[in-house]
Amino acid sequence: MTEEKLSDLISPEAVINFESGAIKASTLDSIINLLPFEMGFCDANDIFRWYSNNPDRVHGRRKEAIGRPVLELHPKMAHHVEKLLNDFRSGARDEWEFWFPKRSGEETGQIYQKFMAVRDENGTYLGCMDVTVNIDLFKGKEGKNTPETIEEFMAVKPK
């Protein structure tokens, strides 16, 4: 793909067809931005191409990062990022997982991050996707919380 932005090529009203169904590009964007985790993608040439624009991001992102080499975006960690991407490109690994304490201000808590090699049906490396989750979202969620245990739902009778 050229340096032209994908958003300039695909209308928000365009329908994207997947094996599992079809959806408008604008609807897919809205769904992605609701997810309780953030995602990013760099292509097979290590160029940062996309990120989800979730409102409560763990890692800040700037639109200016799109189209830039991912190693430039992480200068202090470039050697680690390069190893991860080389492992994916060579096929030595298909994923890496990390977890670490939050680094922002006085907040406490844990972050989980997973990097995954994206490959086509022939195994050709297409790039790297990362998913970042604030693990604190899951604190206090032991036991069971289903419609059968929530008063509002228990009050609704079947028709």
N, C-alpha and C. Protein backbone atom coordinates (compact mmCIF):
# COMPACT_ATOMS: atom_id res chain seq x y z
N MET A 1 0.85 -1.17 0.00
CA MET A 1 0.00 0.00 0.00
C MET A 1 0.89 1.24 0.00
N THR A 2 0.49 2.26 -0.71
CA THR A 2 1.25 3.50 -0.77
C THR A 2 1.08 4.27 0.54
N GLU A 3 1.66 5.46 0.58
CA GLU A 3 1.56 6.29 1.78
C GLU A 3 0.16 6.89 1.94
N GLU A 4 -0.71 6.73 0.93
CA GLU A 4 -2.06 7.23 1.03
C GLU A 4 -2.77 6.54 2.19
N LYS A 5 -3.50 7.33 2.95
CA LYS A 5 -4.19 6.78 4.11
C LYS A 5 -5.33 5.87 3.69
N LEU A 6 -5.50 4.79 4.42
CA LEU A 6 -6.59 3.86 4.15
C LEU A 6 -7.93 4.57 4.24
N SER A 7 -8.05 5.52 5.18
CA SER A 7 -9.31 6.24 5.34
C SER A 7 -9.65 7.08 4.11
N ASP A 8 -8.64 7.42 3.30
CA ASP A 8 -8.89 8.14 2.05
C ASP A 8 -9.32 7.18 0.95
N LEU A 9 -9.05 5.91 1.12
CA LEU A 9 -9.37 4.91 0.10
C LEU A 9 -10.71 4.23 0.35
N ILE A 10 -11.09 4.10 1.62
CA ILE A 10 -12.31 3.37 1.97
C ILE A 10 -13.28 4.33 2.64
N SER A 11 -14.45 4.45 2.09
CA SER A 11 -15.49 5.30 2.66
C SER A 11 -15.96 4.68 3.98
N PRO A 12 -16.34 5.53 4.97
CA PRO A 12 -16.90 4.98 6.21
C PRO A 12 -18.15 4.14 5.96
N GLU A 13 -18.79 4.36 4.83
CA GLU A 13 -20.00 3.61 4.49
C GLU A 13 -19.69 2.32 3.73
N ALA A 14 -18.42 2.12 3.38
CA ALA A 14 -18.04 0.90 2.66
C ALA A 14 -18.31 -0.32 3.51
N VAL A 15 -18.75 -1.38 2.88
CA VAL A 15 -19.00 -2.64 3.58
C VAL A 15 -17.75 -3.51 3.44
N ILE A 16 -17.26 -3.98 4.57
CA ILE A 16 -16.09 -4.86 4.59
C ILE A 16 -16.60 -6.28 4.76
N ASN A 17 -16.22 -7.14 3.84
CA ASN A 17 -16.67 -8.54 3.88
C ASN A 17 -15.60 -9.41 4.52
N PHE A 18 -16.04 -10.15 5.53
CA PHE A 18 -15.19 -11.12 6.21
C PHE A 18 -15.76 -12.50 5.97
N GLU A 19 -14.99 -13.52 6.27
CA GLU A 19 -15.49 -14.89 6.19
C GLU A 19 -16.69 -15.09 7.11
N SER A 20 -16.70 -14.37 8.22
CA SER A 20 -17.73 -14.55 9.24
C SER A 20 -18.87 -13.53 9.15
N GLY A 21 -18.89 -12.71 8.12
CA GLY A 21 -19.97 -11.74 7.96
C GLY A 21 -19.47 -10.46 7.33
N ALA A 22 -20.36 -9.48 7.23
CA ALA A 22 -20.03 -8.19 6.61
C ALA A 22 -20.46 -7.08 7.54
N ILE A 23 -19.73 -5.95 7.48
CA ILE A 23 -20.03 -4.83 8.37
C ILE A 23 -19.52 -3.54 7.73
N LYS A 24 -20.22 -2.44 7.99
CA LYS A 24 -19.77 -1.15 7.49
C LYS A 24 -18.49 -0.74 8.21
N ALA A 25 -17.59 -0.08 7.50
CA ALA A 25 -16.33 0.36 8.08
C ALA A 25 -16.56 1.26 9.30
N SER A 26 -17.53 2.16 9.22
CA SER A 26 -17.80 3.07 10.34
C SER A 26 -18.33 2.31 11.57
N THR A 27 -19.12 1.27 11.33
CA THR A 27 -19.63 0.46 12.45
C THR A 27 -18.50 -0.32 13.09
N LEU A 28 -17.63 -0.90 12.28
CA LEU A 28 -16.48 -1.64 12.80
C LEU A 28 -15.59 -0.72 13.64
N ASP A 29 -15.36 0.50 13.17
CA ASP A 29 -14.55 1.46 13.92
C ASP A 29 -15.20 1.76 15.27
N SER A 30 -16.51 1.95 15.29
CA SER A 30 -17.22 2.21 16.55
C SER A 30 -17.11 1.03 17.51
N ILE A 31 -17.22 -0.18 16.98
CA ILE A 31 -17.10 -1.39 17.82
C ILE A 31 -15.71 -1.48 18.41
N ILE A 32 -14.70 -1.31 17.59
CA ILE A 32 -13.31 -1.41 18.05
C ILE A 32 -13.04 -0.41 19.17
N ASN A 33 -13.60 0.80 19.04
CA ASN A 33 -13.36 1.83 20.05
C ASN A 33 -14.10 1.58 21.36
N LEU A 34 -15.02 0.62 21.37
CA LEU A 34 -15.72 0.25 22.61
C LEU A 34 -15.01 -0.86 23.39
N LEU A 35 -14.12 -1.55 22.75
CA LEU A 35 -13.48 -2.70 23.39
C LEU A 35 -12.70 -2.27 24.63
N PRO A 36 -12.67 -3.10 25.68
CA PRO A 36 -11.99 -2.74 26.92
C PRO A 36 -10.48 -3.00 26.87
N PHE A 37 -9.91 -2.89 25.70
CA PHE A 37 -8.47 -3.01 25.50
C PHE A 37 -8.11 -2.21 24.27
N GLU A 38 -6.84 -1.94 24.11
CA GLU A 38 -6.39 -1.18 22.95
C GLU A 38 -5.55 -2.07 22.05
N MET A 39 -5.51 -1.70 20.78
CA MET A 39 -4.79 -2.48 19.78
C MET A 39 -3.97 -1.56 18.89
N GLY A 40 -2.94 -2.13 18.30
CA GLY A 40 -2.14 -1.41 17.32
C GLY A 40 -1.59 -2.39 16.31
N PHE A 41 -1.15 -1.88 15.17
CA PHE A 41 -0.63 -2.75 14.12
C PHE A 41 0.48 -2.05 13.37
N CYS A 42 1.60 -2.78 13.17
CA CYS A 42 2.65 -2.33 12.26
C CYS A 42 2.78 -3.39 11.18
N ASP A 43 3.06 -2.95 9.96
CA ASP A 43 3.09 -3.87 8.82
C ASP A 43 4.39 -4.67 8.76
N ALA A 44 4.53 -5.47 7.73
CA ALA A 44 5.69 -6.36 7.57
C ALA A 44 6.99 -5.58 7.40
N ASN A 45 6.89 -4.29 7.04
CA ASN A 45 8.08 -3.43 6.91
C ASN A 45 8.31 -2.61 8.18
N ASP A 46 7.64 -2.98 9.26
CA ASP A 46 7.79 -2.33 10.57
C ASP A 46 7.33 -0.87 10.56
N ILE A 47 6.35 -0.57 9.72
CA ILE A 47 5.76 0.77 9.68
C ILE A 47 4.46 0.74 10.48
N PHE A 48 4.33 1.68 11.42
CA PHE A 48 3.13 1.76 12.25
C PHE A 48 1.97 2.22 11.38
N ARG A 49 0.91 1.39 11.30
CA ARG A 49 -0.19 1.65 10.37
C ARG A 49 -1.52 2.00 11.03
N TRP A 50 -1.76 1.51 12.24
CA TRP A 50 -3.10 1.68 12.80
C TRP A 50 -3.09 1.48 14.30
N TYR A 51 -4.01 2.16 14.98
CA TYR A 51 -4.27 1.89 16.40
C TYR A 51 -5.73 2.14 16.69
N SER A 52 -6.26 1.44 17.69
CA SER A 52 -7.63 1.69 18.12
C SER A 52 -7.63 2.98 18.93
N ASN A 53 -8.70 3.70 18.82
CA ASN A 53 -8.77 5.02 19.45
C ASN A 53 -9.67 4.99 20.68
N ASN A 54 -9.44 4.02 21.55
CA ASN A 54 -10.24 3.85 22.76
C ASN A 54 -10.10 5.09 23.64
N PRO A 55 -11.18 5.48 24.32
CA PRO A 55 -11.12 6.70 25.14
C PRO A 55 -10.22 6.58 26.37
N ASP A 56 -10.09 5.40 26.96
CA ASP A 56 -9.28 5.23 28.18
C ASP A 56 -8.03 4.42 27.88
N ARG A 57 -7.22 4.92 26.99
CA ARG A 57 -6.01 4.20 26.56
C ARG A 57 -4.99 4.13 27.69
N VAL A 58 -4.26 3.03 27.74
CA VAL A 58 -3.14 2.89 28.65
C VAL A 58 -1.95 3.65 28.08
N HIS A 59 -1.71 3.45 26.78
CA HIS A 59 -0.60 4.11 26.09
C HIS A 59 -1.15 5.21 25.20
N GLY A 60 -0.65 6.41 25.39
CA GLY A 60 -1.07 7.50 24.51
C GLY A 60 -0.58 7.26 23.09
N ARG A 61 -1.37 7.65 22.13
CA ARG A 61 -0.97 7.53 20.71
C ARG A 61 -1.27 8.86 20.03
N ARG A 62 -0.45 9.17 19.05
CA ARG A 62 -0.66 10.38 18.24
C ARG A 62 -0.85 9.95 16.79
N LYS A 63 -1.76 10.64 16.10
CA LYS A 63 -2.00 10.32 14.69
C LYS A 63 -0.73 10.51 13.86
N GLU A 64 0.17 11.37 14.32
CA GLU A 64 1.42 11.61 13.60
C GLU A 64 2.30 10.36 13.55
N ALA A 65 2.03 9.39 14.42
CA ALA A 65 2.82 8.16 14.44
C ALA A 65 2.51 7.27 13.24
N ILE A 66 1.32 7.41 12.68
CA ILE A 66 0.92 6.59 11.53
C ILE A 66 1.88 6.84 10.38
N GLY A 67 2.38 5.74 9.81
CA GLY A 67 3.29 5.83 8.67
C GLY A 67 4.76 5.93 9.05
N ARG A 68 5.06 5.97 10.33
CA ARG A 68 6.46 6.07 10.78
C ARG A 68 7.01 4.69 11.14
N PRO A 69 8.33 4.51 11.01
CA PRO A 69 8.93 3.25 11.45
C PRO A 69 8.70 3.05 12.95
N VAL A 70 8.27 1.86 13.32
CA VAL A 70 7.92 1.59 14.71
C VAL A 70 9.14 1.71 15.63
N LEU A 71 10.33 1.43 15.12
CA LEU A 71 11.53 1.55 15.96
C LEU A 71 11.79 3.00 16.35
N GLU A 72 11.40 3.95 15.51
CA GLU A 72 11.54 5.37 15.84
C GLU A 72 10.57 5.79 16.93
N LEU A 73 9.47 5.08 17.03
CA LEU A 73 8.45 5.44 18.02
C LEU A 73 8.81 4.96 19.42
N HIS A 74 9.76 4.04 19.52
CA HIS A 74 10.17 3.47 20.80
C HIS A 74 11.70 3.50 20.91
N PRO A 75 12.31 4.68 20.89
CA PRO A 75 13.78 4.75 20.86
C PRO A 75 14.48 4.09 22.04
N LYS A 76 13.90 4.18 23.25
CA LYS A 76 14.53 3.59 24.43
C LYS A 76 14.42 2.07 24.43
N MET A 77 13.43 1.54 23.73
CA MET A 77 13.19 0.10 23.71
C MET A 77 13.41 -0.48 22.32
N ALA A 78 14.03 0.27 21.42
CA ALA A 78 14.16 -0.15 20.02
C ALA A 78 14.82 -1.52 19.89
N HIS A 79 15.82 -1.81 20.71
CA HIS A 79 16.51 -3.10 20.61
C HIS A 79 15.57 -4.25 20.98
N HIS A 80 14.68 -4.03 21.94
CA HIS A 80 13.71 -5.06 22.32
C HIS A 80 12.63 -5.22 21.25
N VAL A 81 12.15 -4.09 20.74
CA VAL A 81 11.13 -4.11 19.69
C VAL A 81 11.69 -4.81 18.44
N GLU A 82 12.94 -4.51 18.11
CA GLU A 82 13.56 -5.12 16.94
C GLU A 82 13.68 -6.64 17.10
N LYS A 83 14.05 -7.10 18.29
CA LYS A 83 14.14 -8.55 18.53
C LYS A 83 12.77 -9.21 18.36
N LEU A 84 11.76 -8.60 18.97
CA LEU A 84 10.40 -9.13 18.88
C LEU A 84 9.97 -9.23 17.41
N LEU A 85 10.14 -8.17 16.65
CA LEU A 85 9.73 -8.16 15.24
C LEU A 85 10.56 -9.14 14.41
N ASN A 86 11.85 -9.23 14.68
CA ASN A 86 12.69 -10.21 13.96
C ASN A 86 12.27 -11.64 14.27
N ASP A 87 11.90 -11.91 15.52
CA ASP A 87 11.41 -13.25 15.89
C ASP A 87 10.14 -13.58 15.11
N PHE A 88 9.26 -12.61 14.96
CA PHE A 88 8.03 -12.83 14.20
C PHE A 88 8.33 -13.03 12.72
N ARG A 89 9.15 -12.16 12.18
CA ARG A 89 9.47 -12.20 10.75
C ARG A 89 10.13 -13.53 10.38
N SER A 90 11.02 -14.02 11.24
CA SER A 90 11.75 -15.26 10.96
C SER A 90 10.90 -16.51 11.23
N GLY A 91 9.83 -16.35 11.98
CA GLY A 91 9.00 -17.49 12.35
C GLY A 91 9.45 -18.15 13.64
N ALA A 92 10.48 -17.60 14.30
CA ALA A 92 10.97 -18.18 15.55
C ALA A 92 9.89 -18.13 16.63
N ARG A 93 9.03 -17.09 16.57
CA ARG A 93 7.93 -16.95 17.55
C ARG A 93 6.72 -16.39 16.84
N ASP A 94 5.56 -16.64 17.43
CA ASP A 94 4.32 -16.06 16.93
C ASP A 94 3.69 -15.09 17.92
N GLU A 95 4.20 -15.09 19.14
CA GLU A 95 3.66 -14.15 20.13
C GLU A 95 4.66 -13.92 21.25
N TRP A 96 4.50 -12.78 21.88
CA TRP A 96 5.23 -12.43 23.10
C TRP A 96 4.22 -11.81 24.06
N GLU A 97 4.31 -12.15 25.35
CA GLU A 97 3.45 -11.57 26.37
C GLU A 97 4.30 -10.87 27.42
N PHE A 98 3.79 -9.73 27.89
CA PHE A 98 4.47 -8.98 28.95
C PHE A 98 3.43 -8.46 29.93
N TRP A 99 3.83 -8.28 31.17
CA TRP A 99 2.98 -7.60 32.14
C TRP A 99 3.89 -6.80 33.04
N PHE A 100 3.38 -5.66 33.47
CA PHE A 100 4.21 -4.71 34.21
C PHE A 100 3.31 -3.72 34.93
N PRO A 101 3.87 -3.05 35.95
CA PRO A 101 3.08 -2.04 36.66
C PRO A 101 2.82 -0.83 35.77
N LYS A 102 1.72 -0.15 36.05
CA LYS A 102 1.43 1.11 35.34
C LYS A 102 2.58 2.07 35.58
N ARG A 103 2.83 2.90 34.60
CA ARG A 103 3.94 3.85 34.70
C ARG A 103 3.47 5.29 34.82
N SER A 104 2.18 5.52 34.79
CA SER A 104 1.70 6.89 34.71
C SER A 104 1.34 7.46 36.08
N GLY A 105 1.99 8.57 36.42
CA GLY A 105 1.65 9.31 37.62
C GLY A 105 1.60 8.48 38.88
N GLU A 106 0.57 8.69 39.66
CA GLU A 106 0.44 8.02 40.95
C GLU A 106 -0.48 6.81 40.88
N GLU A 107 -0.98 6.50 39.69
CA GLU A 107 -1.86 5.33 39.56
C GLU A 107 -1.07 4.06 39.84
N THR A 108 -1.74 3.11 40.43
CA THR A 108 -1.13 1.81 40.65
C THR A 108 -1.93 0.79 39.85
N GLY A 109 -1.37 -0.35 39.64
CA GLY A 109 -2.06 -1.40 38.91
C GLY A 109 -1.15 -2.08 37.92
N GLN A 110 -1.71 -3.01 37.18
CA GLN A 110 -0.94 -3.83 36.26
C GLN A 110 -1.45 -3.69 34.84
N ILE A 111 -0.53 -3.79 33.90
CA ILE A 111 -0.82 -3.76 32.48
C ILE A 111 -0.38 -5.10 31.89
N TYR A 112 -1.21 -5.64 31.00
CA TYR A 112 -0.88 -6.85 30.25
C TYR A 112 -0.78 -6.45 28.79
N GLN A 113 0.27 -6.92 28.13
CA GLN A 113 0.48 -6.59 26.72
C GLN A 113 0.86 -7.86 25.98
N LYS A 114 0.21 -8.07 24.83
CA LYS A 114 0.50 -9.23 24.00
C LYS A 114 0.77 -8.75 22.58
N PHE A 115 1.89 -9.21 22.04
CA PHE A 115 2.27 -8.93 20.66
C PHE A 115 2.13 -10.22 19.87
N MET A 116 1.52 -10.14 18.70
CA MET A 116 1.25 -11.33 17.90
C MET A 116 1.65 -11.11 16.45
N ALA A 117 2.30 -12.12 15.87
CA ALA A 117 2.61 -12.08 14.45
C ALA A 117 1.31 -12.29 13.68
N VAL A 118 1.06 -11.44 12.70
CA VAL A 118 -0.11 -11.59 11.83
C VAL A 118 0.39 -12.23 10.54
N ARG A 119 -0.23 -13.34 10.19
CA ARG A 119 0.18 -14.08 8.99
C ARG A 119 -1.05 -14.36 8.13
N ASP A 120 -0.83 -14.45 6.82
CA ASP A 120 -1.94 -14.81 5.94
C ASP A 120 -2.11 -16.32 5.92
N GLU A 121 -3.04 -16.80 5.11
CA GLU A 121 -3.36 -18.23 5.08
C GLU A 121 -2.18 -19.09 4.61
N ASN A 122 -1.19 -18.46 3.96
CA ASN A 122 0.00 -19.19 3.51
C ASN A 122 1.16 -19.08 4.49
N GLY A 123 0.94 -18.39 5.61
CA GLY A 123 2.00 -18.23 6.61
C GLY A 123 2.90 -17.04 6.37
N THR A 124 2.61 -16.24 5.34
CA THR A 124 3.42 -15.06 5.04
C THR A 124 3.21 -14.01 6.13
N TYR A 125 4.29 -13.48 6.63
CA TYR A 125 4.24 -12.47 7.69
C TYR A 125 3.68 -11.17 7.15
N LEU A 126 2.61 -10.67 7.76
CA LEU A 126 1.97 -9.43 7.34
C LEU A 126 2.28 -8.27 8.28
N GLY A 127 2.69 -8.59 9.50
CA GLY A 127 2.99 -7.54 10.46
C GLY A 127 2.76 -8.01 11.88
N CYS A 128 2.72 -7.05 12.78
CA CYS A 128 2.60 -7.32 14.21
C CYS A 128 1.42 -6.55 14.78
N MET A 129 0.60 -7.26 15.52
CA MET A 129 -0.51 -6.64 16.24
C MET A 129 -0.22 -6.69 17.73
N ASP A 130 -0.52 -5.60 18.41
CA ASP A 130 -0.39 -5.62 19.87
C ASP A 130 -1.73 -5.33 20.50
N VAL A 131 -1.95 -5.96 21.65
CA VAL A 131 -3.14 -5.74 22.46
C VAL A 131 -2.66 -5.38 23.86
N THR A 132 -3.21 -4.30 24.39
CA THR A 132 -2.84 -3.86 25.73
C THR A 132 -4.10 -3.78 26.59
N VAL A 133 -4.03 -4.38 27.78
CA VAL A 133 -5.18 -4.43 28.68
C VAL A 133 -4.77 -3.92 30.06
N ASN A 134 -5.59 -3.08 30.63
CA ASN A 134 -5.43 -2.67 32.01
C ASN A 134 -6.02 -3.80 32.86
N ILE A 135 -5.18 -4.61 33.48
CA ILE A 135 -5.63 -5.78 34.23
C ILE A 135 -6.53 -5.38 35.39
N ASP A 136 -6.42 -4.14 35.86
CA ASP A 136 -7.24 -3.67 36.97
C ASP A 136 -8.74 -3.78 36.66
N LEU A 137 -9.09 -3.81 35.38
CA LEU A 137 -10.50 -3.96 34.99
C LEU A 137 -11.10 -5.24 35.54
N PHE A 138 -10.26 -6.23 35.82
CA PHE A 138 -10.74 -7.54 36.25
C PHE A 138 -10.69 -7.73 37.76
N LYS A 139 -10.16 -6.75 38.48
CA LYS A 139 -10.10 -6.87 39.93
C LYS A 139 -11.50 -6.90 40.52
N GLY A 140 -11.71 -7.78 41.48
CA GLY A 140 -12.98 -7.86 42.16
C GLY A 140 -14.05 -8.58 41.35
N LYS A 141 -13.68 -9.24 40.31
CA LYS A 141 -14.65 -9.93 39.46
C LYS A 141 -14.54 -11.44 39.62
N GLU A 142 -14.52 -11.89 40.87
CA GLU A 142 -14.52 -13.32 41.15
C GLU A 142 -15.95 -13.79 41.33
N GLY A 143 -16.14 -15.08 41.31
CA GLY A 143 -17.48 -15.62 41.54
C GLY A 143 -18.32 -15.58 40.28
N LYS A 144 -19.56 -15.14 40.44
CA LYS A 144 -20.50 -15.19 39.33
C LYS A 144 -21.30 -13.89 39.27
N ASN A 145 -21.44 -13.34 38.09
CA ASN A 145 -22.26 -12.16 37.86
C ASN A 145 -22.95 -12.36 36.51
N THR A 146 -24.14 -12.95 36.53
CA THR A 146 -24.87 -13.28 35.32
C THR A 146 -26.31 -12.80 35.48
N PRO A 147 -27.09 -12.82 34.41
CA PRO A 147 -28.50 -12.42 34.57
C PRO A 147 -29.23 -13.21 35.65
N GLU A 148 -28.79 -14.43 35.92
CA GLU A 148 -29.43 -15.24 36.97
C GLU A 148 -29.08 -14.75 38.37
N THR A 149 -28.08 -13.88 38.51
CA THR A 149 -27.66 -13.41 39.84
C THR A 149 -27.88 -11.91 40.04
N ILE A 150 -28.37 -11.21 39.03
CA ILE A 150 -28.57 -9.76 39.11
C ILE A 150 -30.06 -9.48 39.27
N GLU A 151 -30.41 -8.74 40.33
CA GLU A 151 -31.82 -8.50 40.67
C GLU A 151 -32.63 -7.95 39.50
N GLU A 152 -32.09 -6.99 38.78
CA GLU A 152 -32.81 -6.40 37.64
C GLU A 152 -33.23 -7.44 36.62
N PHE A 153 -32.37 -8.41 36.39
CA PHE A 153 -32.67 -9.47 35.42
C PHE A 153 -33.61 -10.53 36.03
N MET A 154 -33.40 -10.80 37.29
CA MET A 154 -34.21 -11.84 37.95
C MET A 154 -35.67 -11.42 37.98
N ALA A 155 -35.95 -10.12 37.97
CA ALA A 155 -37.32 -9.60 38.00
C ALA A 155 -38.02 -9.76 36.65
N VAL A 156 -37.27 -9.96 35.58
CA VAL A 156 -37.86 -10.11 34.24
C VAL A 156 -38.29 -11.55 34.05
N LYS A 157 -39.55 -11.74 33.75
CA LYS A 157 -40.11 -13.08 33.58
C LYS A 157 -40.13 -13.47 32.09
N PRO A 158 -39.88 -14.74 31.79
CA PRO A 158 -39.93 -15.19 30.39
C PRO A 158 -41.33 -15.02 29.80
N LYS A 159 -41.39 -14.77 28.53
CA LYS A 159 -42.69 -14.60 27.84
C LYS A 159 -43.18 -15.93 27.34
